[in-house]
C-alpha atoms as a PDB file:
ATOM      1  CA  UNK A   1      37.602   3.909  13.022  1.00  0.00           C
ATOM      2  CA  UNK A   2      36.395   2.394   9.732  1.00  0.00           C
ATOM      3  CA  UNK A   3      33.700   3.343   7.257  1.00  0.00           C
ATOM      4  CA  UNK A   4      31.895   1.424   4.550  1.00  0.00           C
ATOM      5  CA  UNK A   5      31.514   3.313   1.283  1.00  0.00           C
ATOM      6  CA  UNK A   6      28.899   2.513  -1.343  1.00  0.00           C
ATOM      7  CA  UNK A   7      29.736   2.646  -5.056  1.00  0.00           C
ATOM      8  CA  UNK A   8      28.343   5.803  -6.655  1.00  0.00           C
ATOM      9  CA  UNK A   9      28.245   7.407 -10.086  1.00  0.00           C
ATOM     10  CA  UNK A  10      28.145  11.109 -10.883  1.00  0.00           C
ATOM     11  CA  UNK A  11      25.522  11.685 -13.568  1.00  0.00           C
ATOM     12  CA  UNK A  12      26.600  14.500 -15.920  1.00  0.00           C
ATOM     13  CA  UNK A  13      24.098  17.210 -16.758  1.00  0.00           C
ATOM     14  CA  UNK A  14      25.178  17.338 -20.423  1.00  0.00           C
ATOM     15  CA  UNK A  15      27.117  19.791 -22.550  1.00  0.00           C
ATOM     16  CA  UNK A  16      24.680  22.693 -22.588  1.00  0.00           C
ATOM     17  CA  UNK A  17      24.298  25.463 -20.081  1.00  0.00           C
ATOM     18  CA  UNK A  18      22.070  24.702 -17.081  1.00  0.00           C
ATOM     19  CA  UNK A  19      18.548  26.040 -17.324  1.00  0.00           C
ATOM     20  CA  UNK A  20      17.971  28.877 -14.856  1.00  0.00           C
ATOM     21  CA  UNK A  21      15.253  28.476 -12.270  1.00  0.00           C
ATOM     22  CA  UNK A  22      13.898  31.967 -11.625  1.00  0.00           C
ATOM     23  CA  UNK A  23      12.193  32.576  -8.318  1.00  0.00           C
ATOM     24  CA  UNK A  24       8.418  32.814  -8.490  1.00  0.00           C
ATOM     25  CA  UNK A  25       7.068  36.275  -7.694  1.00  0.00           C
ATOM     26  CA  UNK A  26       5.510  36.566  -4.278  1.00  0.00           C
ATOM     27  CA  UNK A  27       6.822  33.181  -3.159  1.00  0.00           C
ATOM     28  CA  UNK A  28       4.469  31.726  -0.550  1.00  0.00           C
ATOM     29  CA  UNK A  29       5.856  30.385   2.694  1.00  0.00           C
ATOM     30  CA  UNK A  30       5.081  26.717   2.086  1.00  0.00           C
ATOM     31  CA  UNK A  31       7.081  25.645   5.123  1.00  0.00           C
ATOM     32  CA  UNK A  32       4.470  27.282   7.364  1.00  0.00           C
ATOM     33  CA  UNK A  33       1.517  25.515   5.753  1.00  0.00           C
ATOM     34  CA  UNK A  34      -0.386  23.704   8.544  1.00  0.00           C
ATOM     35  CA  UNK A  35      -0.819  19.950   8.329  1.00  0.00           C
ATOM     36  CA  UNK A  36      -2.442  17.288  10.472  1.00  0.00           C
ATOM     37  CA  UNK A  37      -0.033  14.579  11.531  1.00  0.00           C
ATOM     38  CA  UNK A  38      -1.452  11.123  12.166  1.00  0.00           C
ATOM     39  CA  UNK A  39      -0.265   9.222  15.238  1.00  0.00           C
ATOM     40  CA  UNK A  40       0.311   5.511  14.677  1.00  0.00           C
ATOM     41  CA  UNK A  41      -0.322   4.782  18.347  1.00  0.00           C
ATOM     42  CA  UNK A  42      -3.983   5.686  17.997  1.00  0.00           C
ATOM     43  CA  UNK A  43      -3.710   9.123  19.535  1.00  0.00           C
ATOM     44  CA  UNK A  44      -5.662  11.972  17.891  1.00  0.00           C
ATOM     45  CA  UNK A  45      -3.933  13.806  15.010  1.00  0.00           C
ATOM     46  CA  UNK A  46      -1.707  16.693  15.993  1.00  0.00           C
ATOM     47  CA  UNK A  47      -1.353  20.055  14.244  1.00  0.00           C
ATOM     48  CA  UNK A  48       2.021  20.762  12.718  1.00  0.00           C
ATOM     49  CA  UNK A  49       3.609  22.490   9.716  1.00  0.00           C
ATOM     50  CA  UNK A  50       5.346  21.344   6.554  1.00  0.00           C
ATOM     51  CA  UNK A  51       8.633  22.644   7.947  1.00  0.00           C
ATOM     52  CA  UNK A  52       8.241  20.623  11.133  1.00  0.00           C
ATOM     53  CA  UNK A  53       7.493  17.463   9.143  1.00  0.00           C
ATOM     54  CA  UNK A  54      10.596  17.965   6.986  1.00  0.00           C
ATOM     55  CA  UNK A  55      12.755  18.490  10.058  1.00  0.00           C
ATOM     56  CA  UNK A  56      11.354  15.473  11.892  1.00  0.00           C
ATOM     57  CA  UNK A  57      11.590  13.004   8.981  1.00  0.00           C
ATOM     58  CA  UNK A  58      15.299  13.288   8.128  1.00  0.00           C
ATOM     59  CA  UNK A  59      14.557  15.099   4.864  1.00  0.00           C
ATOM     60  CA  UNK A  60      17.729  16.376   3.191  1.00  0.00           C
ATOM     61  CA  UNK A  61      16.248  18.651   0.532  1.00  0.00           C
ATOM     62  CA  UNK A  62      12.838  19.984  -0.486  1.00  0.00           C
ATOM     63  CA  UNK A  63      12.129  21.953  -3.642  1.00  0.00           C
ATOM     64  CA  UNK A  64       8.879  22.989  -5.323  1.00  0.00           C
ATOM     65  CA  UNK A  65       8.668  24.130  -8.958  1.00  0.00           C
ATOM     66  CA  UNK A  66       5.597  25.551 -10.659  1.00  0.00           C
ATOM     67  CA  UNK A  67       5.534  26.582 -14.325  1.00  0.00           C
ATOM     68  CA  UNK A  68       9.340  26.546 -14.440  1.00  0.00           C
ATOM     69  CA  UNK A  69       9.692  28.878 -11.460  1.00  0.00           C
ATOM     70  CA  UNK A  70      11.155  28.151  -8.046  1.00  0.00           C
ATOM     71  CA  UNK A  71       8.467  28.387  -5.389  1.00  0.00           C
ATOM     72  CA  UNK A  72      10.273  26.886  -2.389  1.00  0.00           C
ATOM     73  CA  UNK A  73      13.791  25.616  -1.733  1.00  0.00           C
ATOM     74  CA  UNK A  74      14.814  24.156   1.626  1.00  0.00           C
ATOM     75  CA  UNK A  75      17.772  22.069   2.831  1.00  0.00           C
ATOM     76  CA  UNK A  76      18.321  20.037   5.974  1.00  0.00           C
ATOM     77  CA  UNK A  77      21.669  19.588   7.744  1.00  0.00           C
ATOM     78  CA  UNK A  78      22.842  16.995   5.188  1.00  0.00           C
ATOM     79  CA  UNK A  79      21.580  18.826   2.105  1.00  0.00           C
ATOM     80  CA  UNK A  80      22.927  21.748   0.095  1.00  0.00           C
ATOM     81  CA  UNK A  81      22.519  23.182  -3.431  1.00  0.00           C
ATOM     82  CA  UNK A  82      25.994  21.928  -4.422  1.00  0.00           C
ATOM     83  CA  UNK A  83      25.910  18.577  -2.611  1.00  0.00           C
ATOM     84  CA  UNK A  84      25.283  15.338  -4.512  1.00  0.00           C
ATOM     85  CA  UNK A  85      22.609  12.976  -3.208  1.00  0.00           C
ATOM     86  CA  UNK A  86      21.600   9.406  -3.897  1.00  0.00           C
ATOM     87  CA  UNK A  87      18.626   9.266  -6.260  1.00  0.00           C
ATOM     88  CA  UNK A  88      17.061   6.059  -4.910  1.00  0.00           C
ATOM     89  CA  UNK A  89      13.387   5.959  -5.967  1.00  0.00           C
ATOM     90  CA  UNK A  90      13.647   9.326  -7.702  1.00  0.00           C
ATOM     91  CA  UNK A  91      15.039   7.151 -10.506  1.00  0.00           C
ATOM     92  CA  UNK A  92      11.481   5.972 -11.180  1.00  0.00           C
ATOM     93  CA  UNK A  93      10.330   9.485 -12.026  1.00  0.00           C
ATOM     94  CA  UNK A  94      13.414  10.229 -14.148  1.00  0.00           C
ATOM     95  CA  UNK A  95      13.263   6.991 -16.121  1.00  0.00           C
ATOM     96  CA  UNK A  96       9.482   7.273 -16.484  1.00  0.00           C
ATOM     97  CA  UNK A  97       9.850  10.713 -18.074  1.00  0.00           C
ATOM     98  CA  UNK A  98      12.518   9.412 -20.465  1.00  0.00           C
ATOM     99  CA  UNK A  99      10.315   6.448 -21.396  1.00  0.00           C
ATOM    100  CA  UNK A 100       7.384   8.785 -22.109  1.00  0.00           C
ATOM    101  CA  UNK A 101       9.553  10.881 -24.454  1.00  0.00           C
ATOM    102  CA  UNK A 102      10.753   7.774 -26.300  1.00  0.00           C
ATOM    103  CA  UNK A 103       7.189   6.495 -26.659  1.00  0.00           C
ATOM    104  CA  UNK A 104       6.067   9.863 -27.995  1.00  0.00           C
ATOM    105  CA  UNK A 105       8.883   9.748 -30.571  1.00  0.00           C
ATOM    106  CA  UNK A 106       7.929   6.234 -31.642  1.00  0.00           C
ATOM    107  CA  UNK A 107      11.207   4.780 -30.372  1.00  0.00           C
ATOM    108  CA  UNK A 108       9.696   2.638 -27.614  1.00  0.00           C
ATOM    109  CA  UNK A 109       6.547   0.520 -27.924  1.00  0.00           C
ATOM    110  CA  UNK A 110       4.609   0.396 -24.648  1.00  0.00           C
ATOM    111  CA  UNK A 111       2.702  -2.680 -25.806  1.00  0.00           C
ATOM    112  CA  UNK A 112       5.769  -4.706 -26.786  1.00  0.00           C
ATOM    113  CA  UNK A 113       7.016  -7.463 -24.512  1.00  0.00           C
ATOM    114  CA  UNK A 114       9.964  -6.634 -22.295  1.00  0.00           C
ATOM    115  CA  UNK A 115      11.885  -9.556 -23.765  1.00  0.00           C
ATOM    116  CA  UNK A 116      11.733  -8.029 -27.252  1.00  0.00           C
ATOM    117  CA  UNK A 117      14.042  -5.323 -25.906  1.00  0.00           C
ATOM    118  CA  UNK A 118      15.905  -7.312 -23.240  1.00  0.00           C
ATOM    119  CA  UNK A 119      15.968 -10.968 -24.392  1.00  0.00           C
ATOM    120  CA  UNK A 120      18.171 -11.898 -21.420  1.00  0.00           C
ATOM    121  CA  UNK A 121      15.027 -11.789 -19.267  1.00  0.00           C
ATOM    122  CA  UNK A 122      13.256 -14.534 -21.232  1.00  0.00           C
ATOM    123  CA  UNK A 123      13.833 -17.059 -18.453  1.00  0.00           C
ATOM    124  CA  UNK A 124      12.781 -14.734 -15.639  1.00  0.00           C
ATOM    125  CA  UNK A 125       9.487 -13.604 -14.171  1.00  0.00           C
ATOM    126  CA  UNK A 126       9.479 -10.691 -16.612  1.00  0.00           C
ATOM    127  CA  UNK A 127       8.755 -13.048 -19.515  1.00  0.00           C
ATOM    128  CA  UNK A 128       5.391 -12.083 -21.029  1.00  0.00           C
ATOM    129  CA  UNK A 129       5.311  -8.684 -19.320  1.00  0.00           C
ATOM    130  CA  UNK A 130       4.759  -5.669 -21.521  1.00  0.00           C
ATOM    131  CA  UNK A 131       6.740  -2.465 -21.303  1.00  0.00           C
ATOM    132  CA  UNK A 132       3.501  -0.862 -20.105  1.00  0.00           C
ATOM    133  CA  UNK A 133       3.205  -3.377 -17.245  1.00  0.00           C
ATOM    134  CA  UNK A 134       6.670  -2.525 -15.987  1.00  0.00           C
ATOM    135  CA  UNK A 135       6.441   1.258 -16.001  1.00  0.00           C
ATOM    136  CA  UNK A 136       2.912   1.125 -14.536  1.00  0.00           C
ATOM    137  CA  UNK A 137       4.252  -1.056 -11.697  1.00  0.00           C
ATOM    138  CA  UNK A 138       1.774  -3.779 -12.660  1.00  0.00           C
ATOM    139  CA  UNK A 139       4.087  -6.688 -13.384  1.00  0.00           C
ATOM    140  CA  UNK A 140       3.518  -9.951 -11.582  1.00  0.00           C
ATOM    141  CA  UNK A 141       7.150 -10.268 -10.542  1.00  0.00           C
ATOM    142  CA  UNK A 142       7.757 -11.291  -6.958  1.00  0.00           C
ATOM    143  CA  UNK A 143       9.999  -8.974  -4.946  1.00  0.00           C
ATOM    144  CA  UNK A 144       9.955  -9.041  -1.166  1.00  0.00           C
ATOM    145  CA  UNK A 145      11.159  -6.058   0.836  1.00  0.00           C
ATOM    146  CA  UNK A 146      11.455  -7.646   4.263  1.00  0.00           C
ATOM    147  CA  UNK A 147      14.406  -5.642   5.498  1.00  0.00           C
ATOM    148  CA  UNK A 148      14.892  -7.722   8.651  1.00  0.00           C
ATOM    149  CA  UNK A 149      15.125 -10.950   6.627  1.00  0.00           C
ATOM    150  CA  UNK A 150      18.678 -11.501   5.309  1.00  0.00           C
ATOM    151  CA  UNK A 151      17.343 -13.856   2.617  1.00  0.00           C
ATOM    152  CA  UNK A 152      14.702 -11.479   1.260  1.00  0.00           C
ATOM    153  CA  UNK A 153      14.865 -10.116  -2.270  1.00  0.00           C
ATOM    154  CA  UNK A 154      15.780  -6.616  -1.109  1.00  0.00           C
ATOM    155  CA  UNK A 155      18.783  -7.989   0.797  1.00  0.00           C
ATOM    156  CA  UNK A 156      19.807 -10.119  -2.195  1.00  0.00           C
ATOM    157  CA  UNK A 157      19.603  -6.981  -4.330  1.00  0.00           C
ATOM    158  CA  UNK A 158      21.933  -5.190  -1.900  1.00  0.00           C
ATOM    159  CA  UNK A 159      24.458  -7.985  -2.357  1.00  0.00           C
ATOM    160  CA  UNK A 160      24.180  -8.151  -6.139  1.00  0.00           C
ATOM    161  CA  UNK A 161      24.860  -4.409  -6.515  1.00  0.00           C
ATOM    162  CA  UNK A 162      27.639  -4.662  -3.905  1.00  0.00           C
ATOM    163  CA  UNK A 163      25.982  -2.528  -1.260  1.00  0.00           C
ATOM    164  CA  UNK A 164      26.476  -5.423   1.140  1.00  0.00           C
ATOM    165  CA  UNK A 165      29.052  -8.247   1.109  1.00  0.00           C
ATOM    166  CA  UNK A 166      27.881 -11.525  -0.394  1.00  0.00           C
ATOM    167  CA  UNK A 167      27.312 -14.621   1.677  1.00  0.00           C
ATOM    168  CA  UNK A 168      28.259 -18.213   0.966  1.00  0.00           C
ATOM    169  CA  UNK A 169      28.417 -19.745  -2.506  1.00  0.00           C
ATOM    170  CA  UNK A 170      26.085 -17.142  -4.001  1.00  0.00           C
ATOM    171  CA  UNK A 171      28.777 -14.515  -3.554  1.00  0.00           C
ATOM    172  CA  UNK A 172      31.011 -16.090  -6.217  1.00  0.00           C
ATOM    173  CA  UNK A 173      28.384 -15.720  -8.991  1.00  0.00           C
ATOM    174  CA  UNK A 174      28.743 -12.906 -11.541  1.00  0.00           C
ATOM    175  CA  UNK A 175      26.953  -9.908 -10.110  1.00  0.00           C
ATOM    176  CA  UNK A 176      25.271  -6.729 -11.270  1.00  0.00           C
ATOM    177  CA  UNK A 177      21.790  -5.265 -11.378  1.00  0.00           C
ATOM    178  CA  UNK A 178      20.881  -6.630 -14.807  1.00  0.00           C
ATOM    179  CA  UNK A 179      21.966 -10.143 -13.824  1.00  0.00           C
ATOM    180  CA  UNK A 180      19.890  -9.842 -10.665  1.00  0.00           C
ATOM    181  CA  UNK A 181      16.751  -9.129 -12.720  1.00  0.00           C
ATOM    182  CA  UNK A 182      17.130 -12.489 -14.432  1.00  0.00           C
ATOM    183  CA  UNK A 183      16.860 -14.274 -11.061  1.00  0.00           C
ATOM    184  CA  UNK A 184      13.413 -12.866 -10.224  1.00  0.00           C
ATOM    185  CA  UNK A 185      10.317 -14.971 -10.829  1.00  0.00           C
ATOM    186  CA  UNK A 186       6.631 -14.134 -11.223  1.00  0.00           C
ATOM    187  CA  UNK A 187       3.991 -14.810  -8.605  1.00  0.00           C
ATOM    188  CA  UNK A 188       0.941 -13.284 -10.337  1.00  0.00           C
ATOM    189  CA  UNK A 189      -0.284 -12.590 -13.881  1.00  0.00           C
ATOM    190  CA  UNK A 190       1.136  -9.424 -15.385  1.00  0.00           C
ATOM    191  CA  UNK A 191      -1.212  -6.443 -15.450  1.00  0.00           C
ATOM    192  CA  UNK A 192      -3.599  -7.662 -12.732  1.00  0.00           C
ATOM    193  CA  UNK A 193      -2.195  -5.895  -9.696  1.00  0.00           C
ATOM    194  CA  UNK A 194      -0.365  -2.741  -8.719  1.00  0.00           C
ATOM    195  CA  UNK A 195       2.787  -3.486  -6.773  1.00  0.00           C
ATOM    196  CA  UNK A 196       6.031  -1.560  -6.477  1.00  0.00           C
ATOM    197  CA  UNK A 197       8.874  -3.786  -7.628  1.00  0.00           C
ATOM    198  CA  UNK A 198      12.018  -1.819  -6.904  1.00  0.00           C
ATOM    199  CA  UNK A 199      14.177  -3.216  -9.767  1.00  0.00           C
ATOM    200  CA  UNK A 200      11.522  -2.393 -12.402  1.00  0.00           C
ATOM    201  CA  UNK A 201      13.031   1.000 -13.372  1.00  0.00           C
ATOM    202  CA  UNK A 202      16.114  -0.929 -14.464  1.00  0.00           C
ATOM    203  CA  UNK A 203      13.881  -2.781 -16.928  1.00  0.00           C
ATOM    204  CA  UNK A 204      12.692   0.553 -18.325  1.00  0.00           C
ATOM    205  CA  UNK A 205      16.284   1.676 -18.749  1.00  0.00           C
ATOM    206  CA  UNK A 206      17.152  -1.651 -20.357  1.00  0.00           C
ATOM    207  CA  UNK A 207      14.345  -1.242 -22.883  1.00  0.00           C
ATOM    208  CA  UNK A 208      15.421   2.319 -23.636  1.00  0.00           C
ATOM    209  CA  UNK A 209      19.015   1.222 -24.150  1.00  0.00           C
ATOM    210  CA  UNK A 210      18.360  -1.900 -26.179  1.00  0.00           C
ATOM    211  CA  UNK A 211      17.938  -0.247 -29.572  1.00  0.00           C
ATOM    212  CA  UNK A 212      20.597   1.827 -31.363  1.00  0.00           C
ATOM    213  CA  UNK A 213      17.918   4.501 -31.854  1.00  0.00           C
ATOM    214  CA  UNK A 214      17.499   4.829 -28.089  1.00  0.00           C
ATOM    215  CA  UNK A 215      20.908   5.118 -26.387  1.00  0.00           C
ATOM    216  CA  UNK A 216      20.105   5.383 -22.678  1.00  0.00           C
ATOM    217  CA  UNK A 217      22.782   7.961 -21.751  1.00  0.00           C
ATOM    218  CA  UNK A 218      21.249  10.345 -24.307  1.00  0.00           C
END
């Protein structure tokens, strides 16, 4: 029996003590909240609950905070309070919050071009895009997420970050997420459309890390 392991990185929480999350008084039972579930086959919506949806959709963890207090905390079979979990698109929210703090402190200019922070992208589709375009998901960069197509951008991304083995001559090129960004090209003017481009949060992090005043790990 063999298993394929993906490279991971444990993100430290810092040197200070963790902030407590006190339970909200009179915590409501959000798992029992009724919801209408749409049927993609055209059948009428069915009545269900939040808890049923979480259980049926392979959710590993579910937590609700309000005003710094814990309202609901739930874990599926593969989740636990002390178990690490891949961030995936949660990275967008984390990096977006960091970018907002840096902008508020005057350390990141939302109206500057991406290439003023990451000049390595001058020959890519990100050329001419503003920081604002990237974190608003309004860049014109082309990024296809056809998962069944082995030549799609999402599959190329998997190879470049070593989630999947490389194929052919492309596999001998220097790899890494930042190098992958430089291979992407634009297909529309920046700022004219809203389109989720999965590698864009890496651009935000690159901008935040590019100046000595903004070390990304901080």
